[in-house]
Protein backbone atom coordinates (compact mmCIF):
# COMPACT_ATOMS: atom_id res chain seq x y z
CA MET A 1 -1.66 -56.58 130.39
CA ALA A 2 0.09 -53.78 132.35
CA SER A 3 0.61 -56.14 135.32
CA PRO A 4 2.67 -59.17 136.38
CA CYS A 5 1.43 -62.29 134.60
CA ASP A 6 2.08 -65.72 136.12
CA LEU A 7 1.32 -69.36 135.48
CA LEU A 8 1.42 -71.97 138.23
CA ILE A 9 1.57 -75.43 136.70
CA GLU A 10 1.24 -78.65 138.68
CA THR A 11 3.75 -80.79 136.83
CA GLN A 12 7.26 -82.17 136.93
CA ASP A 13 7.38 -82.22 133.11
CA CYS A 14 9.59 -79.32 132.02
CA LEU A 15 8.63 -79.77 128.37
CA LEU A 16 4.94 -79.49 129.24
CA ALA A 17 5.56 -76.44 131.41
CA ASN A 18 7.54 -74.74 128.65
CA ARG A 19 4.88 -75.53 126.07
CA LEU A 20 2.03 -74.20 128.23
CA THR A 21 4.01 -71.06 129.00
CA SER A 22 4.66 -70.48 125.30
CA LEU A 23 1.00 -70.98 124.40
CA ALA A 24 -0.08 -68.65 127.21
CA PHE A 25 2.38 -65.97 126.13
CA ASP A 26 1.27 -66.10 122.50
CA GLU A 27 -2.42 -65.87 123.38
CA THR A 28 -1.88 -63.04 125.84
CA LYS A 29 0.18 -61.10 123.32
CA ARG A 30 -2.48 -61.66 120.65
CA ILE A 31 -5.24 -60.27 122.85
CA GLU A 32 -3.19 -57.30 124.00
CA GLN A 33 -2.14 -56.46 120.45
CA LYS A 34 -5.76 -56.61 119.32
CA PHE A 35 -7.63 -54.90 122.15
CA SER A 36 -5.22 -52.47 123.80
CA ARG A 37 -6.31 -48.87 123.38
CA TYR A 38 -2.68 -47.75 123.69
CA LEU A 39 -1.36 -49.39 120.53
CA PRO A 40 -1.51 -47.77 117.08
CA SER A 41 -2.76 -49.55 113.99
CA ASN A 42 -4.74 -52.23 115.81
CA PRO A 43 -8.52 -52.83 115.63
CA MET A 44 -9.21 -50.68 118.71
CA SER A 45 -7.22 -47.80 117.28
CA GLU A 46 -9.13 -48.08 114.03
CA ILE A 47 -12.47 -48.07 115.87
CA ASN A 48 -11.56 -45.20 118.21
CA ASN A 49 -10.26 -43.06 115.36
CA SER A 50 -13.09 -43.83 112.93
CA ARG A 51 -14.53 -40.29 113.19
CA GLY A 52 -18.11 -41.35 112.64
CA LYS A 53 -17.42 -43.88 109.89
CA PRO A 54 -18.25 -47.62 110.08
CA VAL A 55 -15.41 -50.05 110.80
CA ALA A 56 -15.38 -53.76 109.97
CA ILE A 57 -15.18 -56.14 112.95
CA ASP A 58 -14.68 -59.89 113.39
CA ASP A 59 -16.60 -62.43 115.43
CA GLU A 60 -14.39 -62.06 118.52
CA ILE A 61 -14.93 -58.30 118.69
CA PHE A 62 -18.65 -58.81 118.15
CA ARG A 63 -18.83 -61.30 121.03
CA LEU A 64 -17.04 -58.89 123.38
CA LEU A 65 -19.38 -56.11 122.31
CA GLU A 66 -22.34 -58.36 123.12
CA PHE A 67 -20.83 -59.07 126.54
CA ALA A 68 -20.29 -55.33 127.10
CA LYS A 69 -23.94 -54.77 126.19
CA SER A 70 -25.01 -57.35 128.79
CA CYS A 71 -22.76 -55.64 131.37
CA PHE A 72 -24.37 -52.29 130.60
CA GLU A 73 -27.88 -53.68 130.96
CA LEU A 74 -27.11 -55.69 134.11
CA SER A 75 -25.59 -52.63 135.77
CA GLY A 76 -28.39 -50.25 134.89
CA GLY A 77 -26.03 -48.27 132.69
CA MET A 78 -23.24 -47.99 135.26
CA PHE A 79 -20.81 -50.29 133.41
CA ASP A 80 -20.22 -48.48 130.14
CA ILE A 81 -17.18 -49.17 127.95
CA THR A 82 -17.59 -45.77 126.26
CA SER A 83 -16.68 -44.05 129.55
CA GLY A 84 -12.96 -44.70 129.10
CA VAL A 85 -12.75 -41.29 127.47
CA LEU A 86 -12.82 -39.88 131.01
CA ARG A 87 -9.14 -40.82 131.33
CA LYS A 88 -8.51 -37.54 129.48
CA ALA A 89 -9.68 -35.79 132.66
CA TRP A 90 -8.70 -38.19 135.44
CA ASN A 91 -5.20 -39.47 136.20
CA PHE A 92 -5.27 -41.71 139.27
CA ASP A 93 -1.61 -41.42 140.21
CA GLY A 94 -1.98 -41.05 143.97
CA SER A 95 -1.66 -37.26 143.81
CA ASP A 96 -4.16 -34.54 144.78
CA ASN A 97 -4.65 -33.33 141.21
CA LEU A 98 -8.41 -33.31 140.66
CA PRO A 99 -9.62 -32.31 137.20
CA LYS A 100 -11.41 -29.05 136.66
CA PRO A 101 -15.22 -29.48 136.43
CA GLU A 102 -15.33 -27.97 132.96
CA VAL A 103 -12.89 -30.60 131.68
CA VAL A 104 -15.11 -33.43 132.94
CA LYS A 105 -18.24 -31.74 131.61
CA ALA A 106 -16.73 -31.39 128.14
CA LEU A 107 -16.25 -35.17 127.90
CA MET A 108 -19.74 -36.22 128.97
CA PRO A 109 -21.36 -35.91 125.50
CA TYR A 110 -18.99 -38.65 124.27
CA ILE A 111 -20.21 -41.21 126.80
CA GLY A 112 -23.22 -43.44 126.22
CA TRP A 113 -23.37 -47.10 125.21
CA LYS A 114 -26.74 -46.60 123.54
CA LYS A 115 -25.06 -44.37 120.97
CA VAL A 116 -22.95 -47.30 119.75
CA LYS A 117 -24.30 -49.00 116.63
CA TYR A 118 -22.99 -52.41 115.64
CA ASP A 119 -23.84 -55.77 114.11
CA LYS A 120 -21.84 -58.92 113.39
CA THR A 121 -19.76 -57.27 110.69
CA SER A 122 -19.27 -53.60 111.57
CA ILE A 123 -19.43 -50.92 114.26
CA LEU A 124 -20.26 -47.23 114.08
CA LEU A 125 -19.31 -44.73 116.78
CA SER A 126 -20.33 -41.11 116.90
CA LYS A 127 -17.49 -38.70 116.21
CA SER A 128 -15.02 -38.38 119.14
CA MET A 129 -16.44 -41.41 120.96
CA GLU A 130 -14.14 -44.26 122.00
CA LEU A 131 -14.38 -47.81 123.32
CA ASP A 132 -12.28 -49.09 126.21
CA PHE A 133 -12.29 -52.82 126.97
CA GLY A 134 -10.01 -52.28 129.99
CA GLY A 135 -12.78 -53.23 132.43
CA ILE A 136 -13.07 -56.76 131.00
CA GLY A 137 -10.00 -57.24 128.80
CA LYS A 138 -7.57 -58.71 131.34
CA GLU A 139 -10.19 -61.10 132.70
CA TYR A 140 -11.05 -62.14 129.14
CA ALA A 141 -7.37 -62.86 128.49
CA VAL A 142 -7.16 -64.96 131.67
CA ASP A 143 -10.11 -67.10 130.59
CA CYS A 144 -8.72 -67.51 127.05
CA VAL A 145 -5.33 -68.64 128.36
CA ALA A 146 -6.95 -71.01 130.86
CA LYS A 147 -9.02 -72.55 128.07
CA ILE A 148 -5.93 -73.15 125.94
CA CYS A 149 -4.11 -74.74 128.89
CA SER A 150 -7.10 -76.99 129.60
CA GLU A 151 -7.30 -78.10 125.98
CA TYR A 152 -3.57 -78.85 125.71
CA ALA A 153 -3.18 -80.42 129.17
CA PRO A 154 -6.64 -81.50 130.36
CA THR A 155 -5.34 -83.45 133.38
CA THR A 156 -2.95 -80.74 134.63
CA SER A 157 -4.00 -78.08 137.12
CA VAL A 158 -2.93 -74.60 136.04
CA VAL A 159 -3.38 -71.26 137.79
CA VAL A 160 -3.49 -68.30 135.41
CA ASN A 161 -2.81 -65.10 137.35
CA PHE A 162 -2.76 -61.76 135.55
CA GLY A 163 -2.34 -59.04 138.14
CA GLY A 164 -4.67 -60.72 140.63
CA ASP A 165 -7.28 -61.80 138.07
CA ILE A 166 -7.19 -65.58 138.34
CA GLN A 167 -8.52 -68.76 136.78
CA VAL A 168 -7.78 -72.27 138.05
CA THR A 169 -8.34 -74.83 135.30
CA ARG A 170 -9.06 -77.93 137.43
CA PRO A 171 -8.50 -79.38 140.92
CA ARG A 172 -4.98 -80.52 141.80
CA GLN A 173 -4.16 -84.23 141.61
CA ASN A 174 -3.80 -84.62 145.36
CA LYS A 175 -7.16 -82.89 145.87
CA GLN A 176 -5.45 -80.06 147.70
CA PRO A 177 -6.41 -76.46 146.95
CA TRP A 178 -4.27 -73.67 145.59
CA TYR A 179 -3.77 -70.90 148.15
CA ILE A 180 -4.39 -67.38 146.87
CA GLY A 181 -3.65 -64.27 148.92
CA ILE A 182 -5.77 -61.11 148.91
CA GLU A 183 -3.69 -57.95 149.20
CA SER A 184 -4.72 -55.18 151.58
CA ALA A 185 -6.34 -52.12 150.06
CA ASP A 186 -3.81 -50.14 152.10
CA GLU A 187 -0.36 -50.04 150.55
CA ASN A 188 2.52 -51.79 152.29
CA GLN A 189 0.26 -53.97 154.46
CA GLY A 190 0.71 -57.11 152.37
CA THR A 191 -1.74 -60.01 152.33
CA ILE A 192 -4.77 -59.70 154.60
CA SER A 193 -6.49 -62.98 153.75
CA THR A 194 -5.64 -66.31 152.15
CA LEU A 195 -8.26 -68.19 150.14
CA LYS A 196 -8.45 -71.82 149.11
CA ILE A 197 -9.45 -72.38 145.49
CA PHE A 198 -9.84 -75.73 143.73
CA ASN A 199 -11.04 -74.47 140.35
CA GLY A 200 -12.85 -71.49 138.85
CA GLY A 201 -12.27 -67.75 138.69
CA LEU A 202 -11.28 -65.09 141.20
CA ALA A 203 -10.98 -61.34 140.66
CA THR A 204 -10.33 -58.29 142.81
CA SER A 205 -11.22 -54.69 142.15
CA GLY A 206 -10.24 -51.77 144.36
CA ASP A 207 -8.27 -48.57 144.78
CA ALA A 208 -5.03 -49.84 146.32
CA ARG A 209 -2.88 -48.51 143.49
CA ARG A 210 -5.12 -46.19 141.48
CA TYR A 211 -6.60 -43.30 143.44
CA LEU A 212 -6.38 -39.59 144.23
CA LEU A 213 -6.12 -38.11 147.71
CA LYS A 214 -7.06 -34.51 148.45
CA ASP A 215 -7.85 -32.86 151.79
CA GLY A 216 -8.08 -36.27 153.44
CA LYS A 217 -10.61 -37.60 150.92
CA ARG A 218 -9.71 -40.60 148.79
CA TYR A 219 -11.06 -40.74 145.23
CA SER A 220 -11.49 -44.21 143.72
CA HIS A 221 -10.59 -44.88 140.08
CA ILE A 222 -14.05 -46.43 139.59
CA LEU A 223 -15.93 -43.69 137.74
CA ASN A 224 -19.66 -43.16 137.42
CA PRO A 225 -20.35 -42.82 133.66
CA LYS A 226 -23.49 -40.83 134.42
CA THR A 227 -21.65 -38.09 136.33
CA GLY A 228 -18.03 -38.37 135.21
CA TYR A 229 -16.88 -38.52 138.83
CA PRO A 230 -15.69 -41.32 141.16
CA ILE A 231 -18.30 -43.46 142.88
CA GLU A 232 -19.12 -42.14 146.34
CA ASN A 233 -18.60 -44.44 149.34
CA ALA A 234 -17.14 -47.24 147.24
CA ALA A 235 -15.57 -50.19 149.05
CA ARG A 236 -11.77 -50.14 149.19
CA SER A 237 -11.54 -53.66 147.78
CA VAL A 238 -13.92 -56.35 146.51
CA THR A 239 -12.89 -59.91 145.67
CA VAL A 240 -15.35 -62.26 143.97
CA ALA A 241 -15.24 -65.99 143.20
CA ALA A 242 -17.18 -67.20 140.15
CA PRO A 243 -16.98 -70.03 137.60
CA HIS A 244 -14.97 -67.82 135.21
CA CYS A 245 -12.59 -64.94 135.78
CA ILE A 246 -14.47 -62.57 133.48
CA GLN A 247 -17.64 -63.14 135.53
CA ALA A 248 -15.77 -62.57 138.78
CA GLY A 249 -14.18 -59.39 137.45
CA LEU A 250 -17.46 -58.00 136.22
CA LEU A 251 -19.24 -58.68 139.52
CA ALA A 252 -16.39 -57.13 141.53
CA THR A 253 -16.56 -53.96 139.43
CA LEU A 254 -20.36 -53.85 139.52
CA ALA A 255 -20.20 -54.15 143.31
CA LEU A 256 -17.89 -51.13 143.56
CA LEU A 257 -20.26 -49.21 141.31
CA GLN A 258 -22.99 -49.73 143.92
CA GLY A 259 -21.22 -47.53 146.50
CA ASP A 260 -22.85 -48.06 149.90
CA ASN A 261 -24.82 -51.02 148.55
CA SER A 262 -21.87 -53.18 147.45
CA GLU A 263 -22.42 -55.91 150.03
CA SER A 264 -26.17 -56.20 149.46
CA PHE A 265 -25.61 -56.37 145.69
CA LEU A 266 -23.13 -59.22 146.10
CA HIS A 267 -25.40 -61.08 148.53
CA ASP A 268 -28.15 -60.90 145.93
CA GLN A 269 -25.88 -62.60 143.37
CA GLY A 270 -25.53 -65.69 145.55
CA ILE A 271 -21.75 -65.83 145.18
CA LYS A 272 -18.72 -65.94 147.45
CA PHE A 273 -17.13 -62.55 148.01
CA TRP A 274 -14.82 -60.62 150.30
CA CYS A 275 -15.47 -56.90 150.72
CA TYR A 276 -13.20 -54.48 152.60
CA ARG A 277 -13.87 -50.85 153.43
C-alpha cells in the first residue's frame, strides 16, 4: 500500500489478535498484488500493456470499474482513472522540477474514461492508455480488511488504518470512541486536530508529502485530467467522515478537485469534514 498499515484491536485475546492480523495481511497483499500498477504479470499490468486488445476481467475488477465510472460521472469528469498516465510527466518529490509543457501535452490524448470499453467479462483500452486505481485502491483495501475483521470477530472493535485511510468496524465495548489525529498539511508540525470516531470511515487527502515548489508556488499532486496540470487553489488538506472509507476517500479527493469551491462542495454532501488551507 506504499504506507504504514496498522490494526488497532480492542481485545486481550492474543490468539484473536494474531488471527485478525494474519487475515488482514493476506487480504491486503492479495489486493496489492492484483491492482498495483507497479507489479509485472498481474491483471493491471496485463490491462495496461494490452496495446488495444481486449483483456479478460473478473467480477471484482468489473465492480471497481463500475465504481470508477460512478466517480467519473459524479465529478463531472474530474475523477478519471485513466489520468494516471500523467505520472510520466509529473514527479511530486518536493523539488522545483516542473515538466515541460510539450511533455504534458503529449500525454493528453491517452486520457479519457469515455474511451474505455468494458463489460462483465472483458475490457478494451485504446493503445497506450492505462488504468490507475491508486485514487481508490487503498481505501478499497481498508474496507475489504474491515469487512473480514467484522465477519471473523463481529463483537470486537477494530481500527484499520492504511496511511491515514481508516475504517472502524464497530463501537468499542465501553462505548468510548477511538481518537484519531489529523496531521498538519505543513511538514514537521505534527497533529493539528484529534477526532472522536465510534465507527465508520475516515480519509484524508492533501499535499503534505507529495508536491512541487517553484518560485514560492506550491503545486498539489491532485491533477486536473482535463488540463494535465495541478488543480488551482486546492485546499492543503481535506478530511472526510463517511460510512465507508472508500466513500470518504472519494469525497476528500473530489473536494480537492473543486479548487476554491472545496468547502461548498462538501457542505452540499451533508457530511462531516475538516478542510485546511
